[in-house]
Amino acid sequence: MNRPFKQGLAIKGAYTLSHAKDMADEDGWVSLDYNNPIDYDRNFATSGFDRTHVFQMGAIYDLPFMKNATDVIGRIVQGWQVNGVFGAFSGTPYSIGGSNTALNCPSCGSIRINISGDPNPVGAVGSSTQPYYDPSIFSQPTGVGVAGFGNSGRNRFRRPPVWNADFSVFRHMTVGRFQPELRVEMANVFNHPNWGAPVTGFTANNFMRFTPSSYDSGTGTTNTPGPRRVQIGFRLGF
């Protein structure tokens, strides 16, 4: 969607439906999950950066109030602009490791957890008491053949969906040849928490539950904004 700026309003956005698959998440000198010939083909799976649904929308709107007024109230009310950007994305995939001492296959690659059935999230996102996936569907792999590497495979599970909204208010003014502008900008205006993966250690007491470390704090390499942040700025054009 693309509405060029007209009558004080501009809107631009897009929705993408996609599915990315690969054997590794980069094409450099990276090791594969499975190095044994009996399960080498299992490397080809959903990419770790895959997001099935991606939606983004942004808008700019010049408030139309008292544009031609010359009195004091009119000068205060006119010249305001609001801007907003909203994004919503599917969570990215991840794997859950398993353990199988009977396999005894050094350098054969990763061992993944076993699952029964088709797992779907059942718990509340961010809950420290309610498991995100039902723990009863998980078990350690057994055997010394293909089954010994676990049946869940690479990137079988997904982190919760994430969304964010940013909002800003600008005040444009004209003083002779100068154009001062007051800017109030808010990242994550609704202070919405986005979560990563729950605890994936199968033997952990809080397996499949969320902890504070699962919360995106907006630091490190994450792309989401963390808690709400407000900044006030001043810009002068001439």
Protein backbone atom coordinates (compact mmCIF):
# COMPACT_ATOMS: atom_id res chain seq x y z
CA MET A 1 0.00 0.00 0.00
CA ASN A 2 1.38 3.38 -0.95
CA ARG A 3 -0.60 6.60 -0.65
CA PRO A 4 1.61 9.56 -1.59
CA PHE A 5 1.43 12.63 0.62
CA LYS A 6 -1.83 14.34 -0.29
CA GLN A 7 -4.19 16.57 1.70
CA GLY A 8 -1.87 16.22 4.67
CA LEU A 9 -1.84 12.40 4.75
CA ALA A 10 0.64 9.75 3.57
CA ILE A 11 0.38 6.01 4.17
CA LYS A 12 2.87 3.32 3.22
CA GLY A 13 3.00 -0.33 4.20
CA ALA A 14 3.45 -3.92 3.08
CA TYR A 15 2.59 -7.49 4.03
CA THR A 16 4.85 -10.40 3.11
CA LEU A 17 4.07 -14.11 3.29
CA SER A 18 7.26 -16.14 3.03
CA HIS A 19 9.09 -19.32 3.91
CA ALA A 20 12.90 -19.51 3.85
CA LYS A 21 14.72 -22.85 3.94
CA ASP A 22 18.43 -23.66 3.87
CA MET A 23 21.06 -26.07 5.16
CA ALA A 24 22.76 -23.39 7.26
CA ASP A 25 21.97 -19.75 7.96
CA GLU A 26 25.01 -18.49 6.06
CA ASP A 27 27.05 -19.61 3.07
CA GLY A 28 30.47 -19.16 4.68
CA TRP A 29 32.62 -21.66 6.55
CA VAL A 30 29.93 -22.73 8.96
CA SER A 31 29.41 -26.21 10.39
CA LEU A 32 26.21 -28.12 9.68
CA ASP A 33 23.87 -29.55 12.30
CA TYR A 34 24.17 -33.10 10.93
CA ASN A 35 27.47 -34.51 9.63
CA ASN A 36 26.62 -38.20 9.48
CA PRO A 37 25.63 -39.51 6.00
CA ILE A 38 22.58 -41.29 7.43
CA ASP A 39 20.91 -37.98 8.34
CA TYR A 40 22.80 -35.40 6.28
CA ASP A 41 19.65 -34.44 4.33
CA ARG A 42 18.00 -33.29 7.55
CA ASN A 43 20.16 -30.17 7.46
CA PHE A 44 17.77 -28.73 4.88
CA ALA A 45 15.05 -27.15 7.00
CA THR A 46 13.38 -23.86 7.83
CA SER A 47 15.94 -21.07 8.17
CA GLY A 48 16.69 -19.64 11.58
CA PHE A 49 15.79 -16.16 10.29
CA ASP A 50 12.48 -17.20 8.70
CA ARG A 51 9.40 -15.12 9.52
CA THR A 52 6.24 -16.47 7.90
CA HIS A 53 4.24 -13.26 8.29
CA VAL A 54 5.73 -9.77 8.08
CA PHE A 55 3.49 -6.69 8.27
CA GLN A 56 4.59 -3.07 8.44
CA MET A 57 2.59 0.13 8.10
CA GLY A 58 3.56 3.76 8.52
CA ALA A 59 1.61 7.02 8.30
CA ILE A 60 2.20 10.77 8.40
CA TYR A 61 -0.67 13.18 9.07
CA ASP A 62 -0.65 16.96 9.23
CA LEU A 63 -3.41 17.92 11.67
CA PRO A 64 -5.83 20.23 9.80
CA PHE A 65 -6.91 22.42 12.70
CA MET A 66 -6.96 26.21 12.25
CA LYS A 67 -4.39 26.23 9.47
CA ASN A 68 -5.19 29.77 8.41
CA ALA A 69 -5.80 31.26 11.84
CA THR A 70 -3.71 34.27 12.87
CA ASP A 71 -4.77 34.73 16.50
CA VAL A 72 -2.85 33.40 19.50
CA ILE A 73 -4.93 30.22 19.89
CA GLY A 74 -4.62 29.49 16.19
CA ARG A 75 -0.85 29.88 16.33
CA ILE A 76 -0.72 27.34 19.16
CA VAL A 77 -3.05 24.78 17.57
CA GLN A 78 -1.80 24.86 13.97
CA GLY A 79 1.34 23.24 12.58
CA TRP A 80 1.15 19.88 14.38
CA GLN A 81 2.02 16.62 12.65
CA VAL A 82 1.66 13.04 13.94
CA ASN A 83 3.64 10.05 12.66
CA GLY A 84 3.36 6.37 13.41
CA VAL A 85 4.98 3.09 12.42
CA PHE A 86 3.55 -0.33 13.28
CA GLY A 87 5.18 -3.70 12.65
CA ALA A 88 4.11 -7.28 13.42
CA PHE A 89 6.17 -10.39 12.66
CA SER A 90 6.08 -14.13 13.17
CA GLY A 91 8.60 -15.43 15.67
CA THR A 92 11.82 -16.98 14.39
CA PRO A 93 12.50 -20.74 14.58
CA TYR A 94 14.77 -22.49 17.05
CA SER A 95 15.86 -26.03 17.95
CA ILE A 96 15.79 -27.95 21.23
CA GLY A 97 18.77 -30.12 22.00
CA GLY A 98 18.59 -33.67 23.29
CA SER A 99 20.96 -36.23 24.77
CA ASN A 100 21.71 -39.84 23.79
CA THR A 101 24.84 -41.39 25.29
CA ALA A 102 24.15 -44.70 23.52
CA LEU A 103 24.70 -43.07 20.15
CA ASN A 104 28.43 -42.61 20.83
CA CYS A 105 29.11 -40.83 17.54
CA PRO A 106 31.68 -38.04 18.00
CA SER A 107 31.57 -35.27 15.38
CA CYS A 108 28.34 -36.69 13.89
CA GLY A 109 26.45 -33.49 14.62
CA SER A 110 23.61 -32.33 16.80
CA ILE A 111 21.18 -34.45 18.78
CA ARG A 112 17.67 -33.03 19.01
CA ILE A 113 14.83 -33.73 21.39
CA ASN A 114 12.10 -36.22 20.50
CA ILE A 115 8.50 -35.00 20.16
CA SER A 116 5.25 -36.90 19.95
CA GLY A 117 2.59 -35.54 17.63
CA ASP A 118 2.50 -32.09 16.08
CA PRO A 119 3.48 -29.58 18.79
CA ASN A 120 1.65 -26.29 19.05
CA PRO A 121 2.00 -23.63 21.77
CA VAL A 122 -0.51 -24.10 24.58
CA GLY A 123 0.72 -21.69 27.25
CA ALA A 124 0.62 -17.94 27.70
CA VAL A 125 3.47 -15.94 26.21
CA GLY A 126 5.77 -14.65 28.95
CA SER A 127 4.38 -16.91 31.67
CA SER A 128 6.83 -18.22 34.26
CA THR A 129 4.32 -20.80 35.57
CA GLN A 130 2.55 -22.09 32.46
CA PRO A 131 4.68 -24.00 29.89
CA TYR A 132 4.63 -22.55 26.39
CA TYR A 133 4.71 -26.06 24.86
CA ASP A 134 3.32 -29.06 26.70
CA PRO A 135 6.38 -30.72 28.34
CA SER A 136 4.76 -34.17 28.13
CA ILE A 137 5.29 -34.33 24.36
CA PHE A 138 9.09 -34.21 24.76
CA SER A 139 11.47 -37.09 25.46
CA GLN A 140 15.13 -37.95 25.01
CA PRO A 141 16.03 -39.85 21.81
CA THR A 142 17.13 -43.48 21.98
CA GLY A 143 18.78 -45.93 19.61
CA VAL A 144 21.97 -45.89 17.56
CA GLY A 145 20.50 -45.28 14.09
CA VAL A 146 18.77 -42.26 12.61
CA ALA A 147 16.28 -42.24 15.49
CA GLY A 148 19.15 -41.71 17.91
CA PHE A 149 19.58 -38.14 16.66
CA GLY A 150 16.01 -37.20 17.69
CA ASN A 151 12.99 -36.62 15.51
CA SER A 152 12.36 -32.91 16.08
CA GLY A 153 15.21 -31.89 13.79
CA ARG A 154 16.51 -28.42 13.02
CA ASN A 155 14.43 -25.30 13.74
CA ARG A 156 11.25 -27.22 14.55
CA PHE A 157 9.88 -24.70 17.08
CA ARG A 158 9.02 -21.00 16.92
CA ARG A 159 9.43 -18.08 19.26
CA PRO A 160 6.25 -16.08 19.97
CA PRO A 161 5.14 -13.44 17.44
CA VAL A 162 6.39 -9.90 18.05
CA TRP A 163 4.90 -6.51 17.37
CA ASN A 164 5.79 -2.90 18.03
CA ALA A 165 4.39 0.58 17.49
CA ASP A 166 6.37 3.83 17.40
CA PHE A 167 4.68 7.22 17.54
CA SER A 168 5.85 10.81 17.26
CA VAL A 169 4.42 14.32 17.38
CA PHE A 170 6.08 17.22 15.57
CA ARG A 171 5.31 20.92 15.86
CA HIS A 172 6.33 23.00 12.85
CA MET A 173 6.71 26.75 13.12
CA THR A 174 7.87 29.58 10.86
CA VAL A 175 9.73 32.58 12.21
CA GLY A 176 10.90 34.71 9.30
CA ARG A 177 13.29 32.56 7.27
CA PHE A 178 13.75 30.15 10.17
CA GLN A 179 11.72 26.95 10.57
CA PRO A 180 12.02 25.63 14.12
CA GLU A 181 10.54 22.22 14.88
CA LEU A 182 9.77 20.57 18.21
CA ARG A 183 9.86 16.74 18.12
CA VAL A 184 8.53 14.24 20.66
CA GLU A 185 9.32 10.66 19.65
CA MET A 186 8.23 7.47 21.43
CA ALA A 187 9.65 4.02 20.66
CA ASN A 188 7.37 1.14 21.71
CA VAL A 189 4.66 3.62 22.66
CA PHE A 190 2.45 0.89 24.23
CA ASN A 191 5.38 -0.52 26.24
CA HIS A 192 4.57 -3.94 24.81
CA PRO A 193 6.97 -6.74 25.85
CA ASN A 194 8.31 -9.01 23.11
CA TRP A 195 9.62 -12.42 24.10
CA GLY A 196 12.22 -14.80 22.77
CA ALA A 197 12.31 -18.54 23.33
CA PRO A 198 11.37 -20.10 26.68
CA VAL A 199 13.84 -22.27 28.60
CA THR A 200 14.91 -25.08 26.25
CA GLY A 201 17.00 -27.21 28.62
CA PHE A 202 15.01 -30.43 28.85
CA THR A 203 16.28 -31.29 32.34
CA ALA A 204 15.67 -27.79 33.73
CA ASN A 205 12.91 -27.39 36.34
CA ASN A 206 11.44 -24.50 34.34
CA PHE A 207 11.63 -26.24 30.95
CA MET A 208 9.37 -24.48 28.39
CA ARG A 209 8.68 -21.58 30.76
CA PHE A 210 9.71 -17.97 30.24
CA THR A 211 12.25 -16.23 32.43
CA PRO A 212 13.40 -12.60 32.61
CA SER A 213 16.27 -13.48 30.27
CA SER A 214 13.67 -14.46 27.64
CA TYR A 215 12.42 -10.86 27.53
CA ASP A 216 13.77 -8.63 24.79
CA SER A 217 15.43 -5.72 26.53
CA GLY A 218 16.40 -3.95 23.33
CA THR A 219 20.10 -4.66 23.83
CA GLY A 220 22.55 -6.91 22.04
CA THR A 221 21.71 -8.00 18.51
CA THR A 222 17.91 -7.94 18.83
CA ASN A 223 15.84 -5.85 16.44
CA THR A 224 12.96 -5.07 18.77
CA PRO A 225 12.97 -1.90 20.86
CA GLY A 226 12.81 -3.01 24.49
CA PRO A 227 10.80 -0.91 26.99
CA ARG A 228 9.13 2.35 25.98
CA ARG A 229 11.56 5.19 25.34
CA VAL A 230 10.63 8.84 24.91
CA GLN A 231 12.95 11.48 23.54
CA ILE A 232 12.38 15.19 22.97
CA GLY A 233 14.32 17.08 20.34
CA PHE A 234 14.54 20.42 18.62
CA ARG A 235 15.39 21.01 14.97
CA LEU A 236 16.05 24.33 13.28
CA GLY A 237 15.82 24.76 9.51
CA PHE A 238 16.99 27.88 7.73
